[in-house]
PDB file of N, CA and C in Angstrom:
ATOM      1  N   UNK A   1       0.980  -1.312  -0.024  1.00  0.00           N
ATOM      2  CA  UNK A   1       0.185   0.223  -0.593  1.00  0.00           C
ATOM      3  C   UNK A   1       0.969   1.000  -0.097  1.00  0.00           C
ATOM      4  N   UNK A   2       0.222   2.315  -1.318  1.00  0.00           N
ATOM      5  CA  UNK A   2       1.168   3.735  -0.487  1.00  0.00           C
ATOM      6  C   UNK A   2       0.982   4.272   0.220  1.00  0.00           C
ATOM      7  N   UNK A   3       1.348   5.094   0.961  1.00  0.00           N
ATOM      8  CA  UNK A   3       0.514   5.574   2.191  1.00  0.00           C
ATOM      9  C   UNK A   3       1.431   7.364   1.622  1.00  0.00           C
ATOM     10  N   UNK A   4       0.417   8.257   2.030  1.00  0.00           N
ATOM     11  CA  UNK A   4       0.491   9.201   1.861  1.00  0.00           C
ATOM     12  C   UNK A   4       1.533  10.096   2.947  1.00  0.00           C
ATOM     13  N   UNK A   5       2.311  11.259   2.531  1.00  0.00           N
ATOM     14  CA  UNK A   5       3.561  11.785   2.893  1.00  0.00           C
ATOM     15  C   UNK A   5       2.966  12.375   4.419  1.00  0.00           C
ATOM     16  N   UNK A   6       3.353  11.887   5.593  1.00  0.00           N
ATOM     17  CA  UNK A   6       3.121  12.070   7.062  1.00  0.00           C
ATOM     18  C   UNK A   6       3.049  13.994   6.518  1.00  0.00           C
ATOM     19  N   UNK A   7       3.679  14.600   6.543  1.00  0.00           N
ATOM     20  CA  UNK A   7       4.029  15.914   5.984  1.00  0.00           C
ATOM     21  C   UNK A   7       2.761  16.736   5.820  1.00  0.00           C
ATOM     22  N   UNK A   8       2.655  16.460   4.826  1.00  0.00           N
ATOM     23  CA  UNK A   8       1.233  16.604   3.942  1.00  0.00           C
ATOM     24  C   UNK A   8      -0.508  16.486   5.112  1.00  0.00           C
ATOM     25  N   UNK A   9      -0.031  14.994   5.565  1.00  0.00           N
ATOM     26  CA  UNK A   9      -1.284  15.330   6.848  1.00  0.00           C
ATOM     27  C   UNK A   9      -0.926  16.137   7.869  1.00  0.00           C
ATOM     28  N   UNK A  10      -0.163  16.320   8.093  1.00  0.00           N
ATOM     29  CA  UNK A  10       0.283  17.586   9.079  1.00  0.00           C
ATOM     30  C   UNK A  10       0.133  18.870   8.563  1.00  0.00           C
ATOM     31  N   UNK A  11       0.153  18.866   7.614  1.00  0.00           N
ATOM     32  CA  UNK A  11       0.066  20.566   6.854  1.00  0.00           C
ATOM     33  C   UNK A  11      -1.765  20.658   7.040  1.00  0.00           C
ATOM     34  N   UNK A  12      -1.973  19.682   6.495  1.00  0.00           N
ATOM     35  CA  UNK A  12      -4.124  19.990   6.087  1.00  0.00           C
ATOM     36  C   UNK A  12      -4.260  19.674   7.771  1.00  0.00           C
ATOM     37  N   UNK A  13      -3.853  18.853   8.815  1.00  0.00           N
ATOM     38  CA  UNK A  13      -4.565  19.088  10.194  1.00  0.00           C
ATOM     39  C   UNK A  13      -4.295  20.412  10.804  1.00  0.00           C
ATOM     40  N   UNK A  14      -2.873  20.735  10.491  1.00  0.00           N
ATOM     41  CA  UNK A  14      -2.684  22.209  11.229  1.00  0.00           C
ATOM     42  C   UNK A  14      -3.467  23.143  10.690  1.00  0.00           C
ATOM     43  N   UNK A  15      -3.616  23.042   9.447  1.00  0.00           N
ATOM     44  CA  UNK A  15      -4.252  23.800   8.355  1.00  0.00           C
ATOM     45  C   UNK A  15      -5.956  24.675   9.505  1.00  0.00           C
ATOM     46  N   UNK A  16      -6.613  22.837   9.470  1.00  0.00           N
ATOM     47  CA  UNK A  16      -7.646  22.551  10.175  1.00  0.00           C
ATOM     48  C   UNK A  16      -7.524  23.893  11.618  1.00  0.00           C
ATOM     49  N   UNK A  17      -6.518  23.230  12.391  1.00  0.00           N
ATOM     50  CA  UNK A  17      -6.568  23.602  13.473  1.00  0.00           C
ATOM     51  C   UNK A  17      -6.564  24.943  13.844  1.00  0.00           C
ATOM     52  N   UNK A  18      -6.245  25.268  12.724  1.00  0.00           N
ATOM     53  CA  UNK A  18      -6.116  27.311  12.761  1.00  0.00           C
ATOM     54  C   UNK A  18      -6.853  27.587  12.303  1.00  0.00           C
ATOM     55  N   UNK A  19      -7.664  27.051  11.505  1.00  0.00           N
ATOM     56  CA  UNK A  19      -9.241  27.552  11.366  1.00  0.00           C
ATOM     57  C   UNK A  19     -10.325  27.699  11.981  1.00  0.00           C
ATOM     58  N   UNK A  20     -10.260  26.272  13.116  1.00  0.00           N
ATOM     59  CA  UNK A  20     -10.781  26.508  13.937  1.00  0.00           C
ATOM     60  C   UNK A  20     -10.751  27.246  14.905  1.00  0.00           C
ATOM     61  N   UNK A  21      -9.329  27.903  14.927  1.00  0.00           N
ATOM     62  CA  UNK A  21      -8.953  28.588  16.548  1.00  0.00           C
ATOM     63  C   UNK A  21      -9.145  30.439  15.947  1.00  0.00           C
ATOM     64  N   UNK A  22      -8.928  30.501  14.447  1.00  0.00           N
ATOM     65  CA  UNK A  22      -9.736  31.463  14.343  1.00  0.00           C
ATOM     66  C   UNK A  22     -10.805  31.785  14.313  1.00  0.00           C
ATOM     67  N   UNK A  23     -11.919  31.139  14.025  1.00  0.00           N
ATOM     68  CA  UNK A  23     -13.179  31.075  14.377  1.00  0.00           C
ATOM     69  C   UNK A  23     -13.672  31.224  16.060  1.00  0.00           C
ATOM     70  N   UNK A  24     -12.613  30.513  16.635  1.00  0.00           N
ATOM     71  CA  UNK A  24     -13.481  30.604  17.682  1.00  0.00           C
ATOM     72  C   UNK A  24     -12.550  32.507  18.000  1.00  0.00           C
ATOM     73  N   UNK A  25     -11.816  32.494  17.991  1.00  0.00           N
ATOM     74  CA  UNK A  25     -11.176  33.770  18.279  1.00  0.00           C
ATOM     75  C   UNK A  25     -12.125  35.096  17.715  1.00  0.00           C
ATOM     76  N   UNK A  26     -12.377  34.937  16.748  1.00  0.00           N
ATOM     77  CA  UNK A  26     -13.462  35.606  16.007  1.00  0.00           C
ATOM     78  C   UNK A  26     -15.021  35.968  16.796  1.00  0.00           C
ATOM     79  N   UNK A  27     -15.420  34.374  17.077  1.00  0.00           N
ATOM     80  CA  UNK A  27     -16.656  34.694  17.793  1.00  0.00           C
ATOM     81  C   UNK A  27     -16.677  35.004  19.535  1.00  0.00           C
ATOM     82  N   UNK A  28     -15.936  35.165  19.821  1.00  0.00           N
ATOM     83  CA  UNK A  28     -15.254  35.251  21.282  1.00  0.00           C
ATOM     84  C   UNK A  28     -14.915  37.174  21.581  1.00  0.00           C
ATOM     85  N   UNK A  29     -14.344  37.547  20.243  1.00  0.00           N
ATOM     86  CA  UNK A  29     -13.982  39.197  19.669  1.00  0.00           C
ATOM     87  C   UNK A  29     -15.568  39.784  19.802  1.00  0.00           C
ATOM     88  N   UNK A  30     -16.675  38.961  19.113  1.00  0.00           N
ATOM     89  CA  UNK A  30     -17.448  39.714  18.686  1.00  0.00           C
ATOM     90  C   UNK A  30     -18.449  40.236  19.997  1.00  0.00           C
ATOM     91  N   UNK A  31     -18.467  39.134  20.713  1.00  0.00           N
ATOM     92  CA  UNK A  31     -19.462  39.674  22.054  1.00  0.00           C
ATOM     93  C   UNK A  31     -18.713  40.523  23.441  1.00  0.00           C
TER      94      UNK A  31
END
């Protein structure tokens, strides 16, 4: 089996975490 590169998986995971973090901060700042 060919596995995807861990670096690509980490990049996608980090991007999702950053987006969630930014969204949460924006929601907090609104109130």
